[in-house]
């Protein structure tokens, strides 16, 4: 039962890269919100 031969190491590496990118974006957004709050209310 093989759909097509998947190289799992490649799949996992791509998933890791996607997750890193998402975490980076989340971090940037959080940082901007923090700076905005500090500037706005500080």
PDB file of N, CA and C in Angstrom:
ATOM      1  N   UNK A   1       0.858  -1.198   0.000  1.00  0.00           N
ATOM      2  CA  UNK A   1       0.000   0.000   0.000  1.00  0.00           C
ATOM      3  C   UNK A   1       0.890   1.242   0.000  1.00  0.00           C
ATOM      4  N   UNK A   2       1.311   1.610  -1.197  1.00  0.00           N
ATOM      5  CA  UNK A   2       2.162   2.795  -1.333  1.00  0.00           C
ATOM      6  C   UNK A   2       1.506   3.740  -2.325  1.00  0.00           C
ATOM      7  N   UNK A   3       1.099   4.919  -1.850  1.00  0.00           N
ATOM      8  CA  UNK A   3       0.522   5.913  -2.765  1.00  0.00           C
ATOM      9  C   UNK A   3       1.575   6.323  -3.768  1.00  0.00           C
ATOM     10  N   UNK A   4       2.612   6.986  -3.267  1.00  0.00           N
ATOM     11  CA  UNK A   4       3.807   7.187  -4.062  1.00  0.00           C
ATOM     12  C   UNK A   4       4.932   7.338  -3.078  1.00  0.00           C
ATOM     13  N   UNK A   5       6.115   6.992  -3.508  1.00  0.00           N
ATOM     14  CA  UNK A   5       7.224   6.950  -2.566  1.00  0.00           C
ATOM     15  C   UNK A   5       7.541   8.351  -2.077  1.00  0.00           C
ATOM     16  N   UNK A   6       7.310   8.572  -0.796  1.00  0.00           N
ATOM     17  CA  UNK A   6       7.619   9.868  -0.198  1.00  0.00           C
ATOM     18  C   UNK A   6       8.949   9.776   0.530  1.00  0.00           C
ATOM     19  N   UNK A   7       9.790  10.764   0.297  1.00  0.00           N
ATOM     20  CA  UNK A   7      11.024  10.843   1.073  1.00  0.00           C
ATOM     21  C   UNK A   7      10.701  11.639   2.327  1.00  0.00           C
ATOM     22  N   UNK A   8      10.509  10.916   3.435  1.00  0.00           N
ATOM     23  CA  UNK A   8      10.008  11.559   4.650  1.00  0.00           C
ATOM     24  C   UNK A   8      10.977  12.594   5.191  1.00  0.00           C
ATOM     25  N   UNK A   9      12.273  12.370   4.991  1.00  0.00           N
ATOM     26  CA  UNK A   9      13.232  13.358   5.494  1.00  0.00           C
ATOM     27  C   UNK A   9      13.026  14.696   4.793  1.00  0.00           C
ATOM     28  N   UNK A  10      12.706  14.651   3.495  1.00  0.00           N
ATOM     29  CA  UNK A  10      12.466  15.890   2.746  1.00  0.00           C
ATOM     30  C   UNK A  10      11.175  16.545   3.222  1.00  0.00           C
ATOM     31  N   UNK A  11      10.130  15.722   3.403  1.00  0.00           N
ATOM     32  CA  UNK A  11       8.840  16.250   3.854  1.00  0.00           C
ATOM     33  C   UNK A  11       8.995  16.924   5.210  1.00  0.00           C
ATOM     34  N   UNK A  12       9.679  16.240   6.136  1.00  0.00           N
ATOM     35  CA  UNK A  12       9.859  16.780   7.484  1.00  0.00           C
ATOM     36  C   UNK A  12      10.663  18.073   7.428  1.00  0.00           C
ATOM     37  N   UNK A  13      11.695  18.110   6.590  1.00  0.00           N
ATOM     38  CA  UNK A  13      12.511  19.322   6.483  1.00  0.00           C
ATOM     39  C   UNK A  13      11.658  20.484   5.982  1.00  0.00           C
ATOM     40  N   UNK A  14      10.805  20.229   4.998  1.00  0.00           N
ATOM     41  CA  UNK A  14       9.954  21.290   4.470  1.00  0.00           C
ATOM     42  C   UNK A  14       8.964  21.762   5.525  1.00  0.00           C
ATOM     43  N   UNK A  15       8.409  20.814   6.293  1.00  0.00           N
ATOM     44  CA  UNK A  15       7.488  21.192   7.366  1.00  0.00           C
ATOM     45  C   UNK A  15       8.196  22.061   8.394  1.00  0.00           C
ATOM     46  N   UNK A  16       9.429  21.685   8.750  1.00  0.00           N
ATOM     47  CA  UNK A  16      10.190  22.472   9.720  1.00  0.00           C
ATOM     48  C   UNK A  16      10.409  23.889   9.206  1.00  0.00           C
ATOM     49  N   UNK A  17      10.733  24.013   7.915  1.00  0.00           N
ATOM     50  CA  UNK A  17      10.946  25.344   7.345  1.00  0.00           C
ATOM     51  C   UNK A  17       9.660  26.159   7.396  1.00  0.00           C
ATOM     52  N   UNK A  18       8.521  25.527   7.085  1.00  0.00           N
ATOM     53  CA  UNK A  18       7.239  26.228   7.136  1.00  0.00           C
ATOM     54  C   UNK A  18       6.952  26.708   8.550  1.00  0.00           C
ATOM     55  N   UNK A  19       7.176  25.837   9.543  1.00  0.00           N
ATOM     56  CA  UNK A  19       6.906  26.192  10.933  1.00  0.00           C
ATOM     57  C   UNK A  19       7.817  27.330  11.367  1.00  0.00           C
ATOM     58  N   UNK A  20       9.095  27.269  10.967  1.00  0.00           N
ATOM     59  CA  UNK A  20      10.019  28.353  11.312  1.00  0.00           C
ATOM     60  C   UNK A  20       9.529  29.676  10.743  1.00  0.00           C
ATOM     61  N   UNK A  21       9.063  29.646   9.499  1.00  0.00           N
ATOM     62  CA  UNK A  21       8.557  30.861   8.875  1.00  0.00           C
ATOM     63  C   UNK A  21       7.348  31.409   9.611  1.00  0.00           C
ATOM     64  N   UNK A  22       6.425  30.514   9.994  1.00  0.00           N
ATOM     65  CA  UNK A  22       5.232  30.955  10.708  1.00  0.00           C
ATOM     66  C   UNK A  22       5.605  31.547  12.060  1.00  0.00           C
ATOM     67  N   UNK A  23       6.503  30.873  12.790  1.00  0.00           N
ATOM     68  CA  UNK A  23       6.908  31.383  14.097  1.00  0.00           C
ATOM     69  C   UNK A  23       7.579  32.741  13.957  1.00  0.00           C
ATOM     70  N   UNK A  24       8.378  32.913  12.902  1.00  0.00           N
ATOM     71  CA  UNK A  24       9.043  34.193  12.680  1.00  0.00           C
ATOM     72  C   UNK A  24       8.007  35.287  12.453  1.00  0.00           C
ATOM     73  N   UNK A  25       7.001  35.000  11.608  1.00  0.00           N
ATOM     74  CA  UNK A  25       5.960  35.995  11.342  1.00  0.00           C
ATOM     75  C   UNK A  25       5.207  36.340  12.620  1.00  0.00           C
ATOM     76  N   UNK A  26       4.855  35.328  13.409  1.00  0.00           N
ATOM     77  CA  UNK A  26       4.140  35.572  14.662  1.00  0.00           C
ATOM     78  C   UNK A  26       4.980  36.450  15.576  1.00  0.00           C
ATOM     79  N   UNK A  27       6.271  36.163  15.659  1.00  0.00           N
ATOM     80  CA  UNK A  27       7.156  36.960  16.502  1.00  0.00           C
ATOM     81  C   UNK A  27       7.217  38.404  16.050  1.00  0.00           C
ATOM     82  N   UNK A  28       7.287  38.620  14.734  1.00  0.00           N
ATOM     83  CA  UNK A  28       7.341  39.991  14.211  1.00  0.00           C
ATOM     84  C   UNK A  28       6.056  40.732  14.554  1.00  0.00           C
ATOM     85  N   UNK A  29       4.914  40.070  14.351  1.00  0.00           N
ATOM     86  CA  UNK A  29       3.624  40.713  14.629  1.00  0.00           C
ATOM     87  C   UNK A  29       3.521  41.054  16.112  1.00  0.00           C
ATOM     88  N   UNK A  30       3.877  40.107  16.981  1.00  0.00           N
ATOM     89  CA  UNK A  30       3.804  40.360  18.420  1.00  0.00           C
ATOM     90  C   UNK A  30       4.690  41.525  18.803  1.00  0.00           C
ATOM     91  N   UNK A  31       5.891  41.572  18.234  1.00  0.00           N
ATOM     92  CA  UNK A  31       6.820  42.653  18.550  1.00  0.00           C
ATOM     93  C   UNK A  31       6.222  43.995  18.133  1.00  0.00           C
ATOM     94  N   UNK A  32       5.622  44.052  16.959  1.00  0.00           N
ATOM     95  CA  UNK A  32       5.035  45.307  16.478  1.00  0.00           C
ATOM     96  C   UNK A  32       3.890  45.739  17.374  1.00  0.00           C
ATOM     97  N   UNK A  33       3.063  44.784  17.809  1.00  0.00           N
ATOM     98  CA  UNK A  33       1.941  45.120  18.694  1.00  0.00           C
ATOM     99  C   UNK A  33       2.485  45.694  20.001  1.00  0.00           C
ATOM    100  N   UNK A  34       3.537  45.065  20.537  1.00  0.00           N
ATOM    101  CA  UNK A  34       4.121  45.541  21.785  1.00  0.00           C
ATOM    102  C   UNK A  34       4.653  46.962  21.620  1.00  0.00           C
ATOM    103  N   UNK A  35       5.393  47.194  20.540  1.00  0.00           N
ATOM    104  CA  UNK A  35       5.954  48.524  20.300  1.00  0.00           C
ATOM    105  C   UNK A  35       4.832  49.536  20.133  1.00  0.00           C
ATOM    106  N   UNK A  36       3.787  49.155  19.406  1.00  0.00           N
ATOM    107  CA  UNK A  36       2.661  50.058  19.178  1.00  0.00           C
ATOM    108  C   UNK A  36       2.006  50.428  20.503  1.00  0.00           C
ATOM    109  N   UNK A  37       1.800  49.433  21.372  1.00  0.00           N
ATOM    110  CA  UNK A  37       1.178  49.709  22.664  1.00  0.00           C
ATOM    111  C   UNK A  37       2.055  50.633  23.489  1.00  0.00           C
ATOM    112  N   UNK A  38       3.354  50.349  23.497  1.00  0.00           N
ATOM    113  CA  UNK A  38       4.263  51.169  24.299  1.00  0.00           C
ATOM    114  C   UNK A  38       4.262  52.607  23.797  1.00  0.00           C
ATOM    115  N   UNK A  39       4.317  52.791  22.471  1.00  0.00           N
ATOM    116  CA  UNK A  39       4.329  54.145  21.918  1.00  0.00           C
ATOM    117  C   UNK A  39       2.989  54.832  22.138  1.00  0.00           C
ATOM    118  N   UNK A  40       1.909  54.090  21.979  1.00  0.00           N
ATOM    119  CA  UNK A  40       0.580  54.690  22.057  1.00  0.00           C
ATOM    120  C   UNK A  40       0.213  55.119  23.463  1.00  0.00           C
ATOM    121  N   UNK A  41       0.515  54.273  24.442  1.00  0.00           N
ATOM    122  CA  UNK A  41       0.056  54.547  25.797  1.00  0.00           C
ATOM    123  C   UNK A  41       1.175  54.986  26.728  1.00  0.00           C
ATOM    124  N   UNK A  42       2.422  54.828  26.294  1.00  0.00           N
ATOM    125  CA  UNK A  42       3.526  55.172  27.177  1.00  0.00           C
ATOM    126  C   UNK A  42       3.742  56.657  27.211  1.00  0.00           C
TER     127      UNK A  42
END
